[in-house]
């Protein structure tokens, strides 16, 4: 399967137009959260992606809630948050929000490590794990040199060993990647990254 994946679009029209155009060559498109800014005009942000006609799998970032994303997503979009879906033999599982809790204040949709671990425990199998937050120790370093990823996400990757784990959230680590066991972990960013994943 040819997968086009991105994160942290933050209502940017130019990157959205490029993603829609590129999606014509994809079998599946993944959006790993933060489609809008600070819970504002999510519908407008999702409308920028309205031209995506391929199966579209998303998780909420910390800039939108699960319910808000469900309401704003176009028909047929798979919105995952502590849930999974199978598409053409590939198993996807997703967890949104900022993990651990961010310092950004009341607008930010966050989870504690404990709550994230509880939701991730629902997953028994995944070929592709989609989280907004990166795992601790991989593609999770801020401009100040701090590793701010999630231990719950890392534990889930170690347990499940999906082929691919994609994330975003930490803008300073866009494009960075690493491995946890056999799993390739990539912090995406809004530019769009291509992957080939087989069932």
C-alpha atoms as a PDB file:
ATOM      1  CA  UNK A   1       0.000   0.000   0.000  1.00  0.00           C
ATOM      2  CA  UNK A   2       1.247   3.457  -0.901  1.00  0.00           C
ATOM      3  CA  UNK A   3       0.594   5.776   2.044  1.00  0.00           C
ATOM      4  CA  UNK A   4       0.861   9.570   2.108  1.00  0.00           C
ATOM      5  CA  UNK A   5       1.128  10.836   5.695  1.00  0.00           C
ATOM      6  CA  UNK A   6       1.350  14.287   7.261  1.00  0.00           C
ATOM      7  CA  UNK A   7       0.847  16.113  10.553  1.00  0.00           C
ATOM      8  CA  UNK A   8       0.533  19.639  11.921  1.00  0.00           C
ATOM      9  CA  UNK A   9      -1.071  21.301   8.920  1.00  0.00           C
ATOM     10  CA  UNK A  10      -2.303  24.126  11.168  1.00  0.00           C
ATOM     11  CA  UNK A  11      -4.722  25.506   8.569  1.00  0.00           C
ATOM     12  CA  UNK A  12      -1.957  26.224   6.018  1.00  0.00           C
ATOM     13  CA  UNK A  13      -3.511  26.526   2.553  1.00  0.00           C
ATOM     14  CA  UNK A  14      -0.378  25.951   0.450  1.00  0.00           C
ATOM     15  CA  UNK A  15       0.666  22.672   2.059  1.00  0.00           C
ATOM     16  CA  UNK A  16      -2.988  21.524   2.050  1.00  0.00           C
ATOM     17  CA  UNK A  17      -3.265  22.094  -1.693  1.00  0.00           C
ATOM     18  CA  UNK A  18      -0.036  20.168  -2.271  1.00  0.00           C
ATOM     19  CA  UNK A  19      -1.266  17.284  -0.123  1.00  0.00           C
ATOM     20  CA  UNK A  20      -4.587  17.095  -1.970  1.00  0.00           C
ATOM     21  CA  UNK A  21      -2.768  17.002  -5.316  1.00  0.00           C
ATOM     22  CA  UNK A  22      -0.311  14.345  -4.129  1.00  0.00           C
ATOM     23  CA  UNK A  23      -3.096  12.210  -2.633  1.00  0.00           C
ATOM     24  CA  UNK A  24      -4.210  11.193  -6.122  1.00  0.00           C
ATOM     25  CA  UNK A  25      -1.171   8.879  -6.199  1.00  0.00           C
ATOM     26  CA  UNK A  26      -1.849   7.374  -2.745  1.00  0.00           C
ATOM     27  CA  UNK A  27      -3.825   4.326  -1.696  1.00  0.00           C
ATOM     28  CA  UNK A  28      -4.362   5.724   1.822  1.00  0.00           C
ATOM     29  CA  UNK A  29      -3.803   9.156   3.378  1.00  0.00           C
ATOM     30  CA  UNK A  30      -2.949   9.680   7.073  1.00  0.00           C
ATOM     31  CA  UNK A  31      -3.352  12.940   9.000  1.00  0.00           C
ATOM     32  CA  UNK A  32      -1.674  12.774  12.421  1.00  0.00           C
ATOM     33  CA  UNK A  33      -3.415  15.714  14.070  1.00  0.00           C
ATOM     34  CA  UNK A  34      -3.310  19.499  14.452  1.00  0.00           C
ATOM     35  CA  UNK A  35      -5.363  20.408  11.406  1.00  0.00           C
ATOM     36  CA  UNK A  36      -6.266  23.843  12.839  1.00  0.00           C
ATOM     37  CA  UNK A  37      -4.883  26.297  15.408  1.00  0.00           C
ATOM     38  CA  UNK A  38      -5.995  26.444  19.037  1.00  0.00           C
ATOM     39  CA  UNK A  39      -9.444  24.897  18.352  1.00  0.00           C
ATOM     40  CA  UNK A  40     -10.320  27.636  15.812  1.00  0.00           C
ATOM     41  CA  UNK A  41     -12.079  27.043  12.436  1.00  0.00           C
ATOM     42  CA  UNK A  42     -11.478  23.309  12.242  1.00  0.00           C
ATOM     43  CA  UNK A  43     -14.229  23.064   9.629  1.00  0.00           C
ATOM     44  CA  UNK A  44     -12.336  25.476   7.408  1.00  0.00           C
ATOM     45  CA  UNK A  45      -9.126  23.548   7.929  1.00  0.00           C
ATOM     46  CA  UNK A  46     -10.759  20.258   6.983  1.00  0.00           C
ATOM     47  CA  UNK A  47     -12.380  21.855   3.951  1.00  0.00           C
ATOM     48  CA  UNK A  48      -8.883  22.577   2.650  1.00  0.00           C
ATOM     49  CA  UNK A  49      -8.448  18.784   2.509  1.00  0.00           C
ATOM     50  CA  UNK A  50     -11.852  18.131   0.953  1.00  0.00           C
ATOM     51  CA  UNK A  51     -10.307  17.041  -2.344  1.00  0.00           C
ATOM     52  CA  UNK A  52      -8.799  13.907  -0.797  1.00  0.00           C
ATOM     53  CA  UNK A  53     -10.808  11.060  -2.303  1.00  0.00           C
ATOM     54  CA  UNK A  54      -8.728   8.160  -1.016  1.00  0.00           C
ATOM     55  CA  UNK A  55      -9.329   6.514   2.381  1.00  0.00           C
ATOM     56  CA  UNK A  56      -8.317   9.160   4.939  1.00  0.00           C
ATOM     57  CA  UNK A  57      -7.257   8.053   8.446  1.00  0.00           C
ATOM     58  CA  UNK A  58      -6.873  10.758  11.089  1.00  0.00           C
ATOM     59  CA  UNK A  59      -6.269  11.353  14.777  1.00  0.00           C
ATOM     60  CA  UNK A  60      -6.954  14.598  16.644  1.00  0.00           C
ATOM     61  CA  UNK A  61      -3.982  16.683  17.644  1.00  0.00           C
ATOM     62  CA  UNK A  62      -3.881  18.860  20.710  1.00  0.00           C
ATOM     63  CA  UNK A  63      -5.354  21.696  18.591  1.00  0.00           C
ATOM     64  CA  UNK A  64      -8.708  19.929  18.159  1.00  0.00           C
ATOM     65  CA  UNK A  65     -10.762  17.487  20.188  1.00  0.00           C
ATOM     66  CA  UNK A  66     -11.918  14.062  19.050  1.00  0.00           C
ATOM     67  CA  UNK A  67     -15.549  15.209  18.941  1.00  0.00           C
ATOM     68  CA  UNK A  68     -14.625  18.358  17.032  1.00  0.00           C
ATOM     69  CA  UNK A  69     -12.679  16.364  14.460  1.00  0.00           C
ATOM     70  CA  UNK A  70     -15.503  13.869  14.049  1.00  0.00           C
ATOM     71  CA  UNK A  71     -17.933  16.711  13.416  1.00  0.00           C
ATOM     72  CA  UNK A  72     -15.658  18.528  10.949  1.00  0.00           C
ATOM     73  CA  UNK A  73     -14.305  15.527   9.027  1.00  0.00           C
ATOM     74  CA  UNK A  74     -15.766  14.777   5.635  1.00  0.00           C
ATOM     75  CA  UNK A  75     -17.893  11.692   5.145  1.00  0.00           C
ATOM     76  CA  UNK A  76     -15.840   8.514   5.000  1.00  0.00           C
ATOM     77  CA  UNK A  77     -12.923   9.850   7.057  1.00  0.00           C
ATOM     78  CA  UNK A  78     -11.717   7.421   9.730  1.00  0.00           C
ATOM     79  CA  UNK A  79     -11.236   9.418  12.954  1.00  0.00           C
ATOM     80  CA  UNK A  80      -9.307   7.308  15.476  1.00  0.00           C
ATOM     81  CA  UNK A  81      -8.648   7.998  19.149  1.00  0.00           C
ATOM     82  CA  UNK A  82      -8.073   4.893  21.216  1.00  0.00           C
ATOM     83  CA  UNK A  83      -9.627   2.983  18.328  1.00  0.00           C
ATOM     84  CA  UNK A  84      -8.592   1.159  15.177  1.00  0.00           C
ATOM     85  CA  UNK A  85      -9.731   0.336  11.681  1.00  0.00           C
ATOM     86  CA  UNK A  86      -8.767  -2.116   8.945  1.00  0.00           C
ATOM     87  CA  UNK A  87      -8.365  -0.929   5.351  1.00  0.00           C
ATOM     88  CA  UNK A  88      -7.556  -3.405   2.587  1.00  0.00           C
ATOM     89  CA  UNK A  89      -5.923  -5.800   5.035  1.00  0.00           C
ATOM     90  CA  UNK A  90      -3.878  -3.190   6.907  1.00  0.00           C
ATOM     91  CA  UNK A  91      -4.612  -2.663  10.600  1.00  0.00           C
ATOM     92  CA  UNK A  92      -4.455   0.960  11.795  1.00  0.00           C
ATOM     93  CA  UNK A  93      -4.699   2.150  15.399  1.00  0.00           C
ATOM     94  CA  UNK A  94      -4.706   5.763  16.444  1.00  0.00           C
ATOM     95  CA  UNK A  95      -4.327   7.949  19.511  1.00  0.00           C
ATOM     96  CA  UNK A  96      -4.591  11.703  19.393  1.00  0.00           C
ATOM     97  CA  UNK A  97      -3.898  14.614  21.749  1.00  0.00           C
ATOM     98  CA  UNK A  98      -0.763  15.860  23.426  1.00  0.00           C
ATOM     99  CA  UNK A  99       0.897  13.237  25.635  1.00  0.00           C
ATOM    100  CA  UNK A 100       2.102  13.987  28.247  1.00  0.00           C
ATOM    101  CA  UNK A 101       0.074  17.055  29.190  1.00  0.00           C
ATOM    102  CA  UNK A 102       1.425  20.174  27.454  1.00  0.00           C
ATOM    103  CA  UNK A 103       2.071  23.579  29.044  1.00  0.00           C
ATOM    104  CA  UNK A 104      -0.164  25.307  26.490  1.00  0.00           C
ATOM    105  CA  UNK A 105      -3.211  25.881  28.671  1.00  0.00           C
ATOM    106  CA  UNK A 106      -6.942  25.254  28.539  1.00  0.00           C
ATOM    107  CA  UNK A 107      -7.322  25.197  24.769  1.00  0.00           C
ATOM    108  CA  UNK A 108      -4.942  22.247  24.346  1.00  0.00           C
ATOM    109  CA  UNK A 109      -6.381  18.727  24.168  1.00  0.00           C
ATOM    110  CA  UNK A 110      -4.022  16.606  26.255  1.00  0.00           C
ATOM    111  CA  UNK A 111      -3.792  13.240  27.979  1.00  0.00           C
ATOM    112  CA  UNK A 112      -1.790  12.091  30.956  1.00  0.00           C
ATOM    113  CA  UNK A 113       0.556   9.169  30.402  1.00  0.00           C
ATOM    114  CA  UNK A 114      -1.770   7.011  32.490  1.00  0.00           C
ATOM    115  CA  UNK A 115      -4.837   7.857  30.404  1.00  0.00           C
ATOM    116  CA  UNK A 116      -2.898   7.403  27.169  1.00  0.00           C
ATOM    117  CA  UNK A 117      -1.678   4.002  28.305  1.00  0.00           C
ATOM    118  CA  UNK A 118      -5.244   2.939  29.089  1.00  0.00           C
ATOM    119  CA  UNK A 119      -6.428   3.869  25.597  1.00  0.00           C
ATOM    120  CA  UNK A 120      -3.439   2.258  23.893  1.00  0.00           C
ATOM    121  CA  UNK A 121      -4.002  -0.946  25.868  1.00  0.00           C
ATOM    122  CA  UNK A 122      -7.131  -1.487  23.729  1.00  0.00           C
ATOM    123  CA  UNK A 123      -4.896  -2.219  20.758  1.00  0.00           C
ATOM    124  CA  UNK A 124      -3.977  -5.852  20.187  1.00  0.00           C
ATOM    125  CA  UNK A 125      -2.482  -5.514  16.694  1.00  0.00           C
ATOM    126  CA  UNK A 126      -1.416  -2.715  14.374  1.00  0.00           C
ATOM    127  CA  UNK A 127       0.466  -2.565  11.118  1.00  0.00           C
ATOM    128  CA  UNK A 128       0.469   1.227  11.378  1.00  0.00           C
ATOM    129  CA  UNK A 129       0.246   3.134  14.662  1.00  0.00           C
ATOM    130  CA  UNK A 130      -0.799   6.773  14.310  1.00  0.00           C
ATOM    131  CA  UNK A 131      -0.262   9.078  17.271  1.00  0.00           C
ATOM    132  CA  UNK A 132      -0.119  12.831  17.458  1.00  0.00           C
ATOM    133  CA  UNK A 133       2.635  12.729  20.074  1.00  0.00           C
ATOM    134  CA  UNK A 134       5.967  11.008  19.424  1.00  0.00           C
ATOM    135  CA  UNK A 135       7.325   8.218  21.587  1.00  0.00           C
ATOM    136  CA  UNK A 136       9.822   9.112  24.277  1.00  0.00           C
ATOM    137  CA  UNK A 137      13.328   9.184  22.887  1.00  0.00           C
ATOM    138  CA  UNK A 138      12.576   9.187  19.142  1.00  0.00           C
ATOM    139  CA  UNK A 139      11.873  12.293  17.034  1.00  0.00           C
ATOM    140  CA  UNK A 140      10.739  14.117  20.168  1.00  0.00           C
ATOM    141  CA  UNK A 141      13.428  16.752  20.794  1.00  0.00           C
ATOM    142  CA  UNK A 142      12.558  20.437  21.095  1.00  0.00           C
ATOM    143  CA  UNK A 143      14.754  23.313  19.942  1.00  0.00           C
ATOM    144  CA  UNK A 144      15.942  23.533  23.554  1.00  0.00           C
ATOM    145  CA  UNK A 145      17.211  19.953  23.425  1.00  0.00           C
ATOM    146  CA  UNK A 146      14.472  18.462  25.618  1.00  0.00           C
ATOM    147  CA  UNK A 147      13.075  14.998  24.935  1.00  0.00           C
ATOM    148  CA  UNK A 148       9.336  15.482  25.447  1.00  0.00           C
ATOM    149  CA  UNK A 149       7.810  12.349  23.905  1.00  0.00           C
ATOM    150  CA  UNK A 150       5.395   9.939  25.522  1.00  0.00           C
ATOM    151  CA  UNK A 151       6.407   6.890  27.518  1.00  0.00           C
ATOM    152  CA  UNK A 152       2.940   5.399  26.944  1.00  0.00           C
ATOM    153  CA  UNK A 153       3.366   5.672  23.168  1.00  0.00           C
ATOM    154  CA  UNK A 154       6.844   4.170  23.368  1.00  0.00           C
ATOM    155  CA  UNK A 155       5.581   1.266  25.513  1.00  0.00           C
ATOM    156  CA  UNK A 156       2.800   0.589  22.985  1.00  0.00           C
ATOM    157  CA  UNK A 157       5.284   0.503  20.104  1.00  0.00           C
ATOM    158  CA  UNK A 158       7.551  -1.851  22.025  1.00  0.00           C
ATOM    159  CA  UNK A 159       4.585  -4.135  22.736  1.00  0.00           C
ATOM    160  CA  UNK A 160       2.891  -4.069  19.329  1.00  0.00           C
ATOM    161  CA  UNK A 161       5.920  -3.700  17.015  1.00  0.00           C
ATOM    162  CA  UNK A 162       3.928  -2.246  14.112  1.00  0.00           C
ATOM    163  CA  UNK A 163       5.670  -1.902  10.769  1.00  0.00           C
ATOM    164  CA  UNK A 164       5.303   1.867  10.970  1.00  0.00           C
ATOM    165  CA  UNK A 165       4.560   4.428  13.693  1.00  0.00           C
ATOM    166  CA  UNK A 166       3.863   8.013  12.596  1.00  0.00           C
ATOM    167  CA  UNK A 167       3.484  11.116  14.724  1.00  0.00           C
ATOM    168  CA  UNK A 168       3.898  14.890  14.754  1.00  0.00           C
ATOM    169  CA  UNK A 169       3.377  17.455  17.524  1.00  0.00           C
ATOM    170  CA  UNK A 170       7.030  18.411  18.126  1.00  0.00           C
ATOM    171  CA  UNK A 171       7.668  20.805  15.249  1.00  0.00           C
ATOM    172  CA  UNK A 172      11.413  20.945  15.881  1.00  0.00           C
ATOM    173  CA  UNK A 173      11.620  17.225  15.086  1.00  0.00           C
ATOM    174  CA  UNK A 174       9.651  17.224  11.818  1.00  0.00           C
ATOM    175  CA  UNK A 175      11.333  14.851   9.384  1.00  0.00           C
ATOM    176  CA  UNK A 176      13.292  13.019  12.057  1.00  0.00           C
ATOM    177  CA  UNK A 177      12.970   9.286  12.493  1.00  0.00           C
ATOM    178  CA  UNK A 178      14.341   6.292  14.325  1.00  0.00           C
ATOM    179  CA  UNK A 179      13.545   2.715  15.265  1.00  0.00           C
ATOM    180  CA  UNK A 180      12.038   1.019  18.263  1.00  0.00           C
ATOM    181  CA  UNK A 181      12.688  -2.665  17.720  1.00  0.00           C
ATOM    182  CA  UNK A 182      11.560  -3.410  14.173  1.00  0.00           C
ATOM    183  CA  UNK A 183       9.255  -0.390  14.033  1.00  0.00           C
ATOM    184  CA  UNK A 184      10.157   2.623  11.926  1.00  0.00           C
ATOM    185  CA  UNK A 185       9.072   5.793  13.756  1.00  0.00           C
ATOM    186  CA  UNK A 186       8.681   9.056  11.804  1.00  0.00           C
ATOM    187  CA  UNK A 187       7.727  12.566  12.923  1.00  0.00           C
ATOM    188  CA  UNK A 188       5.903  13.747   9.824  1.00  0.00           C
ATOM    189  CA  UNK A 189       5.289  17.482   9.558  1.00  0.00           C
ATOM    190  CA  UNK A 190       2.978  19.083   6.983  1.00  0.00           C
ATOM    191  CA  UNK A 191       4.998  18.451   3.833  1.00  0.00           C
ATOM    192  CA  UNK A 192       3.774  14.890   3.276  1.00  0.00           C
ATOM    193  CA  UNK A 193       5.872  11.730   3.577  1.00  0.00           C
ATOM    194  CA  UNK A 194       5.466   8.601   1.456  1.00  0.00           C
ATOM    195  CA  UNK A 195       5.537   5.037   2.804  1.00  0.00           C
ATOM    196  CA  UNK A 196       5.023   1.573   1.324  1.00  0.00           C
ATOM    197  CA  UNK A 197       3.402  -0.778   3.834  1.00  0.00           C
ATOM    198  CA  UNK A 198       2.232  -4.312   3.070  1.00  0.00           C
ATOM    199  CA  UNK A 199      -0.432  -6.281   4.988  1.00  0.00           C
END
